[in-house]
């Protein structure tokens, strides 16, 4: 893969950090300025791209996708940090006397990766406080239960670029479904934002990029750097337009599709042309370090902000800084004691 050797793409660590900080800043009180929801969309796109790249490499090397190993890698990656972060949030909430409204069915839904649909049906009052962010994990895990099976069915029958076209077609179908949900079934914004069936296109766009023209694997491109620079400018302009358009109908239907399309040239350029000045900072050690711990950081950041607010007695800049310190500190500890060891297990399974 490009950028970094040993199959690691350094610039994508930086993109993880950016996405995590966007979510954190929004939850710290600046959601009117920083679009935290777009940070989640970036995470979805990035996840689809990376996992599809790894699955395709595995199929190319072995002629098959070892499903048991794939699912075990997902367990090692997702569940231990998630359950530890969940237990921490529950413990802090219990000490603060905040568990009175929590319902056992809500806890069960969270532990079984059904947070998104429970949130849609009941709101967040019955959940363990500050753990509503787990809805996005539910979307990913629902998607990855079936997606490797789809690849296993398609890869022996079609070349990867035709599969990419099919995935782009699936993105169009998800958009159509969102339009039906919003305009004919009159679902709320929570459903179009958090439901797996309404959001999987954010993952599919990344999957399609990995199978079409994959900037981490392709040796050449028909486009010159100038052409890619123009594509990047168009992608950024499209992203800004999607964020500035406040129309509720656009927000609940077209926005995720527009952002998925716009992220295609952004990711291509960030990976292939990571030496450009606009991307070089993504590989700074501090930025990559945050990207390295971004999964746990995402899981605990809301809890960290809540703890900071209780300690300080108010919101504001000090709460944000203290919450950031708590989230980063706990995430590094999790990385050193848990995630680093699990990553080694995943590497052995991938080999």
Protein backbone atom coordinates (compact mmCIF):
# COMPACT_ATOMS: atom_id res chain seq x y z
CA UNK A 1 0.00 0.00 0.00
CA UNK A 2 1.02 3.57 -0.54
CA UNK A 3 2.35 5.85 2.14
CA UNK A 4 4.23 4.26 4.90
CA UNK A 5 5.16 0.76 3.85
CA UNK A 6 4.26 -2.49 5.60
CA UNK A 7 0.70 -2.16 4.36
CA UNK A 8 0.04 0.93 6.49
CA UNK A 9 -1.32 4.18 5.07
CA UNK A 10 -0.08 6.96 7.31
CA UNK A 11 -2.35 9.69 5.96
CA UNK A 12 -5.43 7.65 6.89
CA UNK A 13 -4.35 7.77 10.54
CA UNK A 14 -4.52 11.53 10.21
CA UNK A 15 -7.98 11.35 8.64
CA UNK A 16 -9.13 9.23 11.58
CA UNK A 17 -7.84 11.91 13.93
CA UNK A 18 -9.69 14.64 12.04
CA UNK A 19 -12.95 12.68 12.13
CA UNK A 20 -12.60 11.96 15.86
CA UNK A 21 -11.87 15.61 16.67
CA UNK A 22 -14.86 16.77 14.63
CA UNK A 23 -17.16 14.56 16.71
CA UNK A 24 -15.50 15.66 19.95
CA UNK A 25 -15.68 19.39 19.18
CA UNK A 26 -19.33 19.10 18.17
CA UNK A 27 -20.22 17.32 21.42
CA UNK A 28 -18.17 19.85 23.39
CA UNK A 29 -20.70 22.50 22.40
CA UNK A 30 -19.70 23.71 18.95
CA UNK A 31 -22.05 21.57 16.89
CA UNK A 32 -23.32 24.76 15.23
CA UNK A 33 -19.83 25.30 13.82
CA UNK A 34 -18.23 21.84 13.49
CA UNK A 35 -20.32 19.07 11.85
CA UNK A 36 -19.84 16.08 14.13
CA UNK A 37 -22.17 13.99 11.99
CA UNK A 38 -19.84 14.43 9.04
CA UNK A 39 -17.02 13.06 11.19
CA UNK A 40 -19.04 9.86 11.59
CA UNK A 41 -19.59 9.75 7.81
CA UNK A 42 -15.81 9.93 7.33
CA UNK A 43 -15.37 7.03 9.75
CA UNK A 44 -17.90 4.96 7.77
CA UNK A 45 -16.21 5.71 4.42
CA UNK A 46 -12.76 4.98 5.83
CA UNK A 47 -13.91 1.70 7.36
CA UNK A 48 -15.45 0.50 4.09
CA UNK A 49 -12.33 1.41 2.15
CA UNK A 50 -9.83 -0.23 4.49
CA UNK A 51 -11.73 -3.44 5.13
CA UNK A 52 -12.53 -3.96 1.45
CA UNK A 53 -8.88 -3.36 0.57
CA UNK A 54 -7.81 -6.01 3.09
CA UNK A 55 -10.47 -8.49 1.95
CA UNK A 56 -9.52 -8.06 -1.69
CA UNK A 57 -5.84 -8.52 -0.89
CA UNK A 58 -6.71 -11.69 1.02
CA UNK A 59 -8.75 -13.02 -1.89
CA UNK A 60 -5.97 -12.20 -4.35
CA UNK A 61 -3.39 -13.98 -2.20
CA UNK A 62 -5.38 -17.06 -1.17
CA UNK A 63 -8.23 -17.33 -3.69
CA UNK A 64 -10.76 -17.08 -0.89
CA UNK A 65 -11.95 -14.98 2.03
CA UNK A 66 -11.54 -16.79 5.32
CA UNK A 67 -14.77 -15.74 6.97
CA UNK A 68 -13.98 -17.21 10.38
CA UNK A 69 -10.77 -15.21 10.57
CA UNK A 70 -12.51 -12.06 9.33
CA UNK A 71 -15.19 -12.20 12.00
CA UNK A 72 -12.65 -13.04 14.69
CA UNK A 73 -10.58 -10.01 13.65
CA UNK A 74 -13.71 -7.88 13.99
CA UNK A 75 -14.31 -9.28 17.49
CA UNK A 76 -10.73 -8.48 18.52
CA UNK A 77 -10.95 -4.98 17.05
CA UNK A 78 -14.39 -3.88 18.21
CA UNK A 79 -15.67 -5.70 21.27
CA UNK A 80 -13.01 -5.49 24.03
CA UNK A 81 -12.56 -1.69 23.84
CA UNK A 82 -16.31 -1.21 23.44
CA UNK A 83 -17.23 -3.29 26.48
CA UNK A 84 -14.50 -1.71 28.61
CA UNK A 85 -15.61 1.81 27.61
CA UNK A 86 -19.23 0.85 28.26
CA UNK A 87 -18.38 -0.53 31.70
CA UNK A 88 -16.45 2.66 32.54
CA UNK A 89 -19.43 4.83 31.52
CA UNK A 90 -21.80 2.67 33.60
CA UNK A 91 -19.51 2.81 36.63
CA UNK A 92 -19.14 6.60 36.48
CA UNK A 93 -22.89 7.00 35.98
CA UNK A 94 -23.59 4.74 38.97
CA UNK A 95 -21.21 6.74 41.19
CA UNK A 96 -22.97 9.92 40.07
CA UNK A 97 -26.43 8.46 40.70
CA UNK A 98 -27.40 8.70 37.02
CA UNK A 99 -28.62 5.16 36.36
CA UNK A 100 -32.19 5.63 37.58
CA UNK A 101 -33.73 5.87 34.12
CA UNK A 102 -31.61 3.13 32.53
CA UNK A 103 -33.60 0.10 31.39
CA UNK A 104 -32.24 -3.48 31.18
CA UNK A 105 -33.56 -3.84 27.62
CA UNK A 106 -31.62 -0.75 26.63
CA UNK A 107 -28.41 -2.19 28.07
CA UNK A 108 -29.05 -5.49 26.30
CA UNK A 109 -29.64 -3.65 23.03
CA UNK A 110 -26.34 -1.84 23.41
CA UNK A 111 -24.40 -5.00 24.22
CA UNK A 112 -25.97 -6.75 21.20
CA UNK A 113 -25.07 -3.93 18.79
CA UNK A 114 -28.64 -2.66 18.42
CA UNK A 115 -28.05 0.78 19.88
CA UNK A 116 -29.09 2.63 16.73
CA UNK A 117 -32.56 1.13 16.43
CA UNK A 118 -33.17 1.37 20.19
CA UNK A 119 -32.23 5.04 20.09
CA UNK A 120 -34.59 5.63 17.19
CA UNK A 121 -37.47 3.92 18.99
CA UNK A 122 -36.95 5.17 22.55
CA UNK A 123 -34.47 8.05 22.58
CA UNK A 124 -31.35 8.12 24.75
CA UNK A 125 -32.98 8.52 28.18
CA UNK A 126 -33.05 4.76 28.82
CA UNK A 127 -29.45 4.16 27.75
CA UNK A 128 -26.41 4.27 30.00
CA UNK A 129 -25.54 8.00 30.01
CA UNK A 130 -23.08 9.18 27.39
CA UNK A 131 -23.06 5.89 25.45
CA UNK A 132 -25.40 6.87 22.62
CA UNK A 133 -22.37 7.21 20.31
CA UNK A 134 -22.41 3.40 20.07
CA UNK A 135 -25.14 3.72 17.42
CA UNK A 136 -22.51 4.05 14.70
CA UNK A 137 -20.83 0.81 15.79
CA UNK A 138 -24.18 -0.92 15.34
CA UNK A 139 -24.38 0.30 11.73
CA UNK A 140 -20.91 -1.03 10.98
CA UNK A 141 -21.43 -4.40 12.63
CA UNK A 142 -24.76 -4.98 10.86
CA UNK A 143 -23.06 -4.16 7.57
CA UNK A 144 -20.07 -6.41 8.14
CA UNK A 145 -22.21 -9.38 9.08
CA UNK A 146 -23.29 -9.64 5.45
CA UNK A 147 -20.79 -7.72 3.32
CA UNK A 148 -17.98 -10.35 3.31
CA UNK A 149 -20.55 -12.93 2.18
CA UNK A 150 -21.49 -10.65 -0.71
CA UNK A 151 -17.84 -10.28 -1.73
CA UNK A 152 -17.35 -14.03 -1.46
CA UNK A 153 -20.24 -14.48 -3.88
CA UNK A 154 -19.14 -11.80 -6.37
CA UNK A 155 -15.33 -12.01 -6.50
CA UNK A 156 -15.17 -15.40 -8.31
CA UNK A 157 -17.73 -14.23 -10.88
CA UNK A 158 -16.91 -10.61 -11.66
CA UNK A 159 -13.79 -8.50 -11.91
CA UNK A 160 -13.42 -5.98 -9.13
CA UNK A 161 -14.30 -2.93 -11.22
CA UNK A 162 -17.66 -4.44 -12.14
CA UNK A 163 -18.24 -5.18 -8.47
CA UNK A 164 -17.44 -1.54 -7.75
CA UNK A 165 -20.11 -0.48 -10.24
CA UNK A 166 -22.60 -2.75 -8.49
CA UNK A 167 -21.72 -1.16 -5.16
CA UNK A 168 -22.21 2.32 -6.60
CA UNK A 169 -25.58 1.09 -7.83
CA UNK A 170 -26.35 -0.09 -4.30
CA UNK A 171 -25.52 3.42 -3.07
CA UNK A 172 -28.13 4.78 -5.47
CA UNK A 173 -30.68 2.28 -4.13
CA UNK A 174 -29.98 3.36 -0.56
CA UNK A 175 -30.56 6.97 -1.61
CA UNK A 176 -33.85 5.95 -3.21
CA UNK A 177 -34.81 4.14 0.01
CA UNK A 178 -34.01 7.22 2.09
CA UNK A 179 -36.24 9.30 -0.16
CA UNK A 180 -39.06 6.79 0.31
CA UNK A 181 -38.54 6.78 4.07
CA UNK A 182 -38.52 10.55 4.38
CA UNK A 183 -41.01 11.67 1.73
CA UNK A 184 -43.53 8.82 1.79
CA UNK A 185 -43.16 7.04 5.14
CA UNK A 186 -42.40 10.31 6.96
CA UNK A 187 -39.70 8.93 9.24
CA UNK A 188 -37.82 11.37 11.47
CA UNK A 189 -34.28 12.66 11.03
CA UNK A 190 -33.01 10.23 13.65
CA UNK A 191 -33.99 7.29 11.44
CA UNK A 192 -32.38 8.62 8.27
CA UNK A 193 -29.24 9.46 10.28
CA UNK A 194 -28.81 6.35 12.44
CA UNK A 195 -30.67 3.40 10.89
CA UNK A 196 -28.47 0.82 9.24
CA UNK A 197 -30.73 0.49 6.20
CA UNK A 198 -30.55 4.26 5.65
CA UNK A 199 -26.81 4.79 6.20
CA UNK A 200 -24.90 1.86 4.74
CA UNK A 201 -24.15 3.81 1.57
CA UNK A 202 -21.60 5.81 3.58
CA UNK A 203 -19.71 2.52 3.97
CA UNK A 204 -20.46 1.34 0.44
CA UNK A 205 -18.83 4.39 -1.16
CA UNK A 206 -15.57 3.48 0.59
CA UNK A 207 -15.97 -0.17 -0.42
CA UNK A 208 -16.53 0.81 -4.06
CA UNK A 209 -13.42 3.01 -4.08
CA UNK A 210 -11.33 0.10 -2.77
CA UNK A 211 -12.51 -2.15 -5.62
CA UNK A 212 -12.58 0.39 -8.44
CA UNK A 213 -9.48 2.54 -8.68
CA UNK A 214 -7.79 1.92 -5.34
CA UNK A 215 -5.21 4.65 -4.68
CA UNK A 216 -3.38 2.44 -2.18
CA UNK A 217 -2.88 -0.42 -4.67
CA UNK A 218 -2.87 0.99 -8.19
CA UNK A 219 0.59 1.64 -9.60
CA UNK A 220 -0.51 4.21 -12.17
CA UNK A 221 -3.33 6.59 -12.97
CA UNK A 222 -4.59 7.95 -16.26
CA UNK A 223 -4.90 11.34 -14.63
CA UNK A 224 -2.06 13.78 -14.06
CA UNK A 225 -1.51 15.48 -10.73
CA UNK A 226 -3.18 18.57 -12.16
CA UNK A 227 -6.31 16.59 -12.94
CA UNK A 228 -6.32 15.13 -9.44
CA UNK A 229 -5.89 18.61 -7.95
CA UNK A 230 -8.97 19.76 -9.86
CA UNK A 231 -10.89 16.70 -8.66
CA UNK A 232 -9.85 17.45 -5.08
CA UNK A 233 -11.03 21.05 -5.39
CA UNK A 234 -14.36 19.82 -6.77
CA UNK A 235 -14.70 17.33 -3.91
CA UNK A 236 -14.00 19.96 -1.27
CA UNK A 237 -16.47 22.37 -2.91
CA UNK A 238 -19.11 19.65 -2.94
CA UNK A 239 -18.49 18.89 0.74
CA UNK A 240 -18.83 22.55 1.68
CA UNK A 241 -22.05 22.81 -0.29
CA UNK A 242 -23.45 19.75 1.50
CA UNK A 243 -22.62 21.24 4.90
CA UNK A 244 -23.94 24.72 4.14
CA UNK A 245 -27.26 23.52 2.76
CA UNK A 246 -29.58 23.54 5.77
CA UNK A 247 -32.71 22.37 4.00
CA UNK A 248 -34.20 19.50 6.11
CA UNK A 249 -35.21 17.44 3.06
CA UNK A 250 -31.69 17.67 1.59
CA UNK A 251 -30.17 16.84 4.99
CA UNK A 252 -32.22 13.68 5.42
CA UNK A 253 -31.92 12.35 1.87
CA UNK A 254 -29.28 13.65 -0.52
CA UNK A 255 -26.63 14.88 1.90
CA UNK A 256 -25.05 11.50 2.64
CA UNK A 257 -24.90 10.65 -1.07
CA UNK A 258 -23.32 13.99 -1.96
CA UNK A 259 -20.75 13.57 0.81
CA UNK A 260 -19.95 10.01 -0.28
CA UNK A 261 -19.27 11.19 -3.83
CA UNK A 262 -17.21 14.15 -2.60
CA UNK A 263 -15.05 11.96 -0.37
CA UNK A 264 -13.91 9.84 -3.34
CA UNK A 265 -11.38 12.37 -4.72
CA UNK A 266 -10.46 13.52 -1.21
CA UNK A 267 -9.42 10.01 -0.18
CA UNK A 268 -7.72 9.31 -3.50
CA UNK A 269 -5.57 12.42 -3.19
CA UNK A 270 -4.87 12.03 0.54
CA UNK A 271 -3.49 8.54 -0.12
CA UNK A 272 -1.77 8.95 -3.49
CA UNK A 273 -0.51 12.51 -3.01
CA UNK A 274 0.08 12.55 0.73
CA UNK A 275 3.20 14.63 0.06
CA UNK A 276 1.06 17.60 -1.04
CA UNK A 277 1.13 20.47 1.46
CA UNK A 278 -2.62 20.22 2.00
CA UNK A 279 -2.19 16.66 3.31
CA UNK A 280 1.32 16.59 4.73
CA UNK A 281 0.15 17.53 8.24
CA UNK A 282 -1.97 14.37 8.38
CA UNK A 283 1.27 12.45 8.89
CA UNK A 284 2.60 14.56 11.77
CA UNK A 285 3.32 12.28 14.74
CA UNK A 286 0.84 14.04 17.03
CA UNK A 287 -1.96 13.80 14.47
CA UNK A 288 -1.20 10.16 13.66
CA UNK A 289 -1.01 9.40 17.37
CA UNK A 290 -4.57 10.60 17.85
CA UNK A 291 -5.60 8.59 14.82
CA UNK A 292 -4.05 5.51 16.39
CA UNK A 293 -6.28 5.80 19.46
CA UNK A 294 -9.30 7.25 17.64
CA UNK A 295 -11.58 4.23 18.15
CA UNK A 296 -11.41 4.29 21.94
CA UNK A 297 -11.30 8.10 21.88
CA UNK A 298 -14.61 8.07 20.00
CA UNK A 299 -16.12 5.59 22.45
CA UNK A 300 -15.18 7.52 25.61
CA UNK A 301 -15.14 11.15 24.54
CA UNK A 302 -18.76 11.84 25.54
CA UNK A 303 -18.22 10.18 28.92
CA UNK A 304 -15.04 12.24 29.38
CA UNK A 305 -16.93 15.46 28.62
CA UNK A 306 -19.67 14.48 31.07
CA UNK A 307 -17.14 13.75 33.82
CA UNK A 308 -15.36 17.04 33.17
CA UNK A 309 -18.64 18.93 33.42
CA UNK A 310 -19.52 17.31 36.75
CA UNK A 311 -16.08 18.09 38.17
CA UNK A 312 -16.10 21.71 37.01
CA UNK A 313 -19.80 22.35 37.52
CA UNK A 314 -20.19 24.02 34.14
CA UNK A 315 -19.63 23.70 30.44
CA UNK A 316 -17.26 25.83 28.36
CA UNK A 317 -13.66 25.82 27.22
CA UNK A 318 -12.27 24.38 30.47
CA UNK A 319 -14.74 21.49 30.30
CA UNK A 320 -13.68 20.79 26.71
CA UNK A 321 -9.97 20.85 27.57
CA UNK A 322 -10.38 18.65 30.64
CA UNK A 323 -12.63 16.26 28.70
CA UNK A 324 -10.03 16.09 25.93
CA UNK A 325 -7.32 15.27 28.47
CA UNK A 326 -9.47 12.55 30.04
CA UNK A 327 -10.37 11.03 26.67
CA UNK A 328 -6.82 11.06 25.32
CA UNK A 329 -5.34 9.71 28.55
CA UNK A 330 -7.78 6.84 28.84
CA UNK A 331 -7.47 6.03 25.13
CA UNK A 332 -3.69 5.81 25.30
CA UNK A 333 -3.95 3.57 28.33
CA UNK A 334 -6.40 1.37 26.45
CA UNK A 335 -4.06 1.26 23.47
CA UNK A 336 -1.04 0.29 25.53
CA UNK A 337 -2.78 -2.33 27.66
CA UNK A 338 -5.42 -3.76 25.31
CA UNK A 339 -5.54 -2.58 21.71
CA UNK A 340 -1.87 -3.06 20.89
CA UNK A 341 -2.03 -6.70 21.99
CA UNK A 342 -5.24 -7.29 20.07
CA UNK A 343 -3.71 -5.72 16.97
CA UNK A 344 -0.94 -8.30 17.06
CA UNK A 345 -3.54 -11.08 17.22
CA UNK A 346 -5.33 -9.56 14.22
CA UNK A 347 -2.11 -9.42 12.23
CA UNK A 348 -1.51 -13.11 12.87
CA UNK A 349 -5.03 -13.92 11.68
CA UNK A 350 -4.53 -11.87 8.53
CA UNK A 351 -1.29 -13.57 7.62
